[in-house]
């Protein structure tokens, strides 16, 4: 099997992706007959937020394969919570997912705490799983860290708290929402 290396740069992927998401949001807004700029701009911001998360967690991507690539760097798997925590990374991962609740409310009308936290957990689990698979099979240079999973989930919950408890934040987001849904019967 031949060996090889590949580096996937960030900007040539992220910028076109962000533009595509803006166009997609514009088409959806037009089809829903959204006439005010607030929902469109809020959806564009949510799309660029998703692009930023992708860039922060996956790109640039450096992979290698074949006999010359060597073995996977298994020390990049951090599976023991708290004891293997890098405090700066933990804080940055919390901050990264705080805006998720606002993005979900604006784009998909999701308001429920359980759904916001579950989506934050599942997004983080997907990121860490992909990073782990890339480590094992393509000698990627990212880390698969259980602490990131905890921090991202905590960030999603904190974001939900800010949206719900922030003075007027929820009302403002609801005015800018591309998809409007009725308020749930109970607050969670």
Protein backbone atom coordinates (compact mmCIF):
# COMPACT_ATOMS: atom_id res chain seq x y z
CA UNK A 1 0.00 0.00 0.00
CA UNK A 2 1.46 3.36 -0.94
CA UNK A 3 2.03 5.97 1.72
CA UNK A 4 0.78 9.49 1.55
CA UNK A 5 0.14 12.69 3.39
CA UNK A 6 -2.54 15.29 2.89
CA UNK A 7 -3.21 18.64 4.48
CA UNK A 8 -6.69 20.05 4.05
CA UNK A 9 -6.46 23.81 4.62
CA UNK A 10 -9.13 25.70 6.52
CA UNK A 11 -10.01 28.82 4.55
CA UNK A 12 -10.57 27.24 1.10
CA UNK A 13 -13.17 24.98 2.79
CA UNK A 14 -14.70 27.33 5.35
CA UNK A 15 -15.26 30.45 3.26
CA UNK A 16 -17.18 28.70 0.44
CA UNK A 17 -19.14 26.72 3.04
CA UNK A 18 -20.15 29.93 4.82
CA UNK A 19 -21.24 31.51 1.52
CA UNK A 20 -23.27 28.39 0.61
CA UNK A 21 -25.00 28.54 4.01
CA UNK A 22 -25.81 32.21 3.46
CA UNK A 23 -27.34 31.45 0.07
CA UNK A 24 -29.30 28.54 1.54
CA UNK A 25 -30.61 30.77 4.35
CA UNK A 26 -31.62 33.38 1.78
CA UNK A 27 -33.54 30.80 -0.26
CA UNK A 28 -35.32 29.47 2.84
CA UNK A 29 -36.18 33.01 3.98
CA UNK A 30 -37.54 33.85 0.53
CA UNK A 31 -39.68 30.69 0.47
CA UNK A 32 -41.04 31.48 3.93
CA UNK A 33 -41.78 35.02 2.80
CA UNK A 34 -39.55 36.55 5.45
CA UNK A 35 -39.42 40.23 4.56
CA UNK A 36 -37.46 41.76 7.44
CA UNK A 37 -33.66 41.60 7.50
CA UNK A 38 -33.42 40.46 11.15
CA UNK A 39 -34.21 36.74 10.62
CA UNK A 40 -31.98 36.53 7.56
CA UNK A 41 -29.02 38.19 9.25
CA UNK A 42 -29.50 36.10 12.41
CA UNK A 43 -29.53 32.94 10.30
CA UNK A 44 -26.39 34.06 8.47
CA UNK A 45 -24.67 34.62 11.83
CA UNK A 46 -25.77 31.14 12.99
CA UNK A 47 -24.36 29.66 9.78
CA UNK A 48 -21.02 31.39 10.25
CA UNK A 49 -21.03 30.18 13.85
CA UNK A 50 -21.34 26.59 12.55
CA UNK A 51 -18.50 27.27 10.10
CA UNK A 52 -16.34 28.61 12.95
CA UNK A 53 -17.01 25.50 15.06
CA UNK A 54 -16.04 23.29 12.13
CA UNK A 55 -12.87 25.31 11.64
CA UNK A 56 -11.97 25.22 15.31
CA UNK A 57 -12.50 21.48 15.68
CA UNK A 58 -11.48 19.94 12.36
CA UNK A 59 -9.42 22.24 10.17
CA UNK A 60 -6.73 22.43 9.07
CA UNK A 61 -6.75 18.67 8.80
CA UNK A 62 -3.46 16.81 8.49
CA UNK A 63 -3.72 13.11 7.70
CA UNK A 64 -1.30 10.37 6.64
CA UNK A 65 -1.63 6.74 5.56
CA UNK A 66 0.45 3.77 4.62
CA UNK A 67 3.54 2.18 6.19
CA UNK A 68 5.52 5.43 6.35
CA UNK A 69 2.79 7.09 8.43
CA UNK A 70 3.76 5.04 11.49
CA UNK A 71 1.36 3.98 14.21
CA UNK A 72 -1.48 6.06 15.59
CA UNK A 73 -0.52 8.48 18.36
CA UNK A 74 -2.74 6.93 21.03
CA UNK A 75 -1.62 9.45 23.65
CA UNK A 76 -3.97 11.85 21.83
CA UNK A 77 -6.95 9.96 23.30
CA UNK A 78 -7.84 11.55 26.64
CA UNK A 79 -10.43 9.22 28.15
CA UNK A 80 -10.09 9.98 31.86
CA UNK A 81 -12.34 12.89 32.79
CA UNK A 82 -11.00 15.77 34.88
CA UNK A 83 -7.61 14.15 35.64
CA UNK A 84 -6.43 14.64 32.06
CA UNK A 85 -8.14 18.02 31.72
CA UNK A 86 -6.32 20.90 30.10
CA UNK A 87 -8.04 23.83 31.83
CA UNK A 88 -7.56 26.34 29.00
CA UNK A 89 -9.05 23.90 26.47
CA UNK A 90 -11.93 23.13 28.81
CA UNK A 91 -12.82 26.81 29.14
CA UNK A 92 -12.50 27.42 25.39
CA UNK A 93 -14.76 24.43 24.68
CA UNK A 94 -17.40 25.81 27.04
CA UNK A 95 -17.22 29.20 25.33
CA UNK A 96 -17.41 27.58 21.88
CA UNK A 97 -20.83 26.05 22.50
CA UNK A 98 -22.49 28.84 24.50
CA UNK A 99 -23.92 30.40 21.28
CA UNK A 100 -25.45 27.06 20.25
CA UNK A 101 -28.72 27.68 22.12
CA UNK A 102 -29.22 31.00 20.34
CA UNK A 103 -28.37 29.47 16.95
CA UNK A 104 -30.81 26.60 17.49
CA UNK A 105 -33.56 28.99 18.57
CA UNK A 106 -33.08 31.27 15.56
CA UNK A 107 -32.60 28.60 12.89
CA UNK A 108 -34.78 25.72 14.09
CA UNK A 109 -37.05 27.24 16.73
CA UNK A 110 -35.62 24.91 19.40
CA UNK A 111 -36.30 26.30 22.89
CA UNK A 112 -36.37 23.27 25.17
CA UNK A 113 -33.42 22.82 27.54
CA UNK A 114 -33.25 19.06 27.06
CA UNK A 115 -33.14 19.35 23.29
CA UNK A 116 -30.50 22.10 23.35
CA UNK A 117 -28.26 20.16 25.75
CA UNK A 118 -28.80 16.88 23.88
CA UNK A 119 -27.94 18.51 20.55
CA UNK A 120 -24.84 20.08 22.13
CA UNK A 121 -23.82 16.68 23.49
CA UNK A 122 -24.44 14.91 20.16
CA UNK A 123 -22.53 17.54 18.16
CA UNK A 124 -19.62 17.24 20.57
CA UNK A 125 -19.78 13.44 20.53
CA UNK A 126 -19.71 13.52 16.73
CA UNK A 127 -16.68 15.83 16.72
CA UNK A 128 -14.75 13.73 19.24
CA UNK A 129 -15.66 10.49 17.45
CA UNK A 130 -14.51 11.82 14.09
CA UNK A 131 -11.30 13.11 15.66
CA UNK A 132 -10.71 9.68 17.25
CA UNK A 133 -11.39 7.83 14.00
CA UNK A 134 -9.05 10.15 12.13
CA UNK A 135 -6.38 9.50 14.78
CA UNK A 136 -6.63 5.73 14.45
CA UNK A 137 -7.17 5.28 10.73
CA UNK A 138 -5.55 8.31 9.10
CA UNK A 139 -3.02 9.42 11.74
CA UNK A 140 -4.80 12.73 12.26
CA UNK A 141 -3.26 15.39 14.47
CA UNK A 142 -6.29 16.29 16.62
CA UNK A 143 -7.11 15.07 20.12
CA UNK A 144 -10.13 12.97 21.12
CA UNK A 145 -10.92 14.20 24.62
CA UNK A 146 -13.75 13.25 26.97
CA UNK A 147 -13.24 16.59 28.73
CA UNK A 148 -14.14 18.39 25.50
CA UNK A 149 -17.39 16.42 25.43
CA UNK A 150 -18.21 17.55 28.98
CA UNK A 151 -17.21 21.17 28.30
CA UNK A 152 -19.21 21.42 25.07
CA UNK A 153 -22.29 19.99 26.77
CA UNK A 154 -21.87 22.39 29.68
CA UNK A 155 -21.50 25.27 27.21
CA UNK A 156 -24.76 24.32 25.48
CA UNK A 157 -26.55 24.30 28.85
CA UNK A 158 -25.04 27.65 29.86
CA UNK A 159 -26.08 29.08 26.51
CA UNK A 160 -29.63 27.90 27.11
CA UNK A 161 -29.58 29.56 30.56
CA UNK A 162 -28.37 32.83 29.05
CA UNK A 163 -31.05 32.75 26.36
CA UNK A 164 -33.87 31.92 28.78
CA UNK A 165 -32.79 34.07 31.71
CA UNK A 166 -31.24 36.95 29.76
CA UNK A 167 -33.26 40.16 29.84
CA UNK A 168 -35.06 40.15 26.53
CA UNK A 169 -32.63 37.77 24.83
CA UNK A 170 -35.29 35.13 24.16
CA UNK A 171 -37.78 37.71 22.87
CA UNK A 172 -35.17 39.24 20.56
CA UNK A 173 -34.16 35.84 19.22
CA UNK A 174 -37.80 34.92 18.67
CA UNK A 175 -38.28 38.10 16.59
CA UNK A 176 -35.24 37.13 14.51
CA UNK A 177 -36.15 33.44 14.23
CA UNK A 178 -36.43 32.01 10.76
CA UNK A 179 -38.66 29.23 12.10
CA UNK A 180 -41.14 30.28 14.75
CA UNK A 181 -42.58 27.68 17.07
CA UNK A 182 -45.02 28.04 19.95
CA UNK A 183 -43.67 28.31 23.48
CA UNK A 184 -43.55 24.92 25.24
CA UNK A 185 -46.17 24.31 27.93
CA UNK A 186 -43.59 23.88 30.67
CA UNK A 187 -40.26 25.52 31.11
CA UNK A 188 -37.38 23.10 31.57
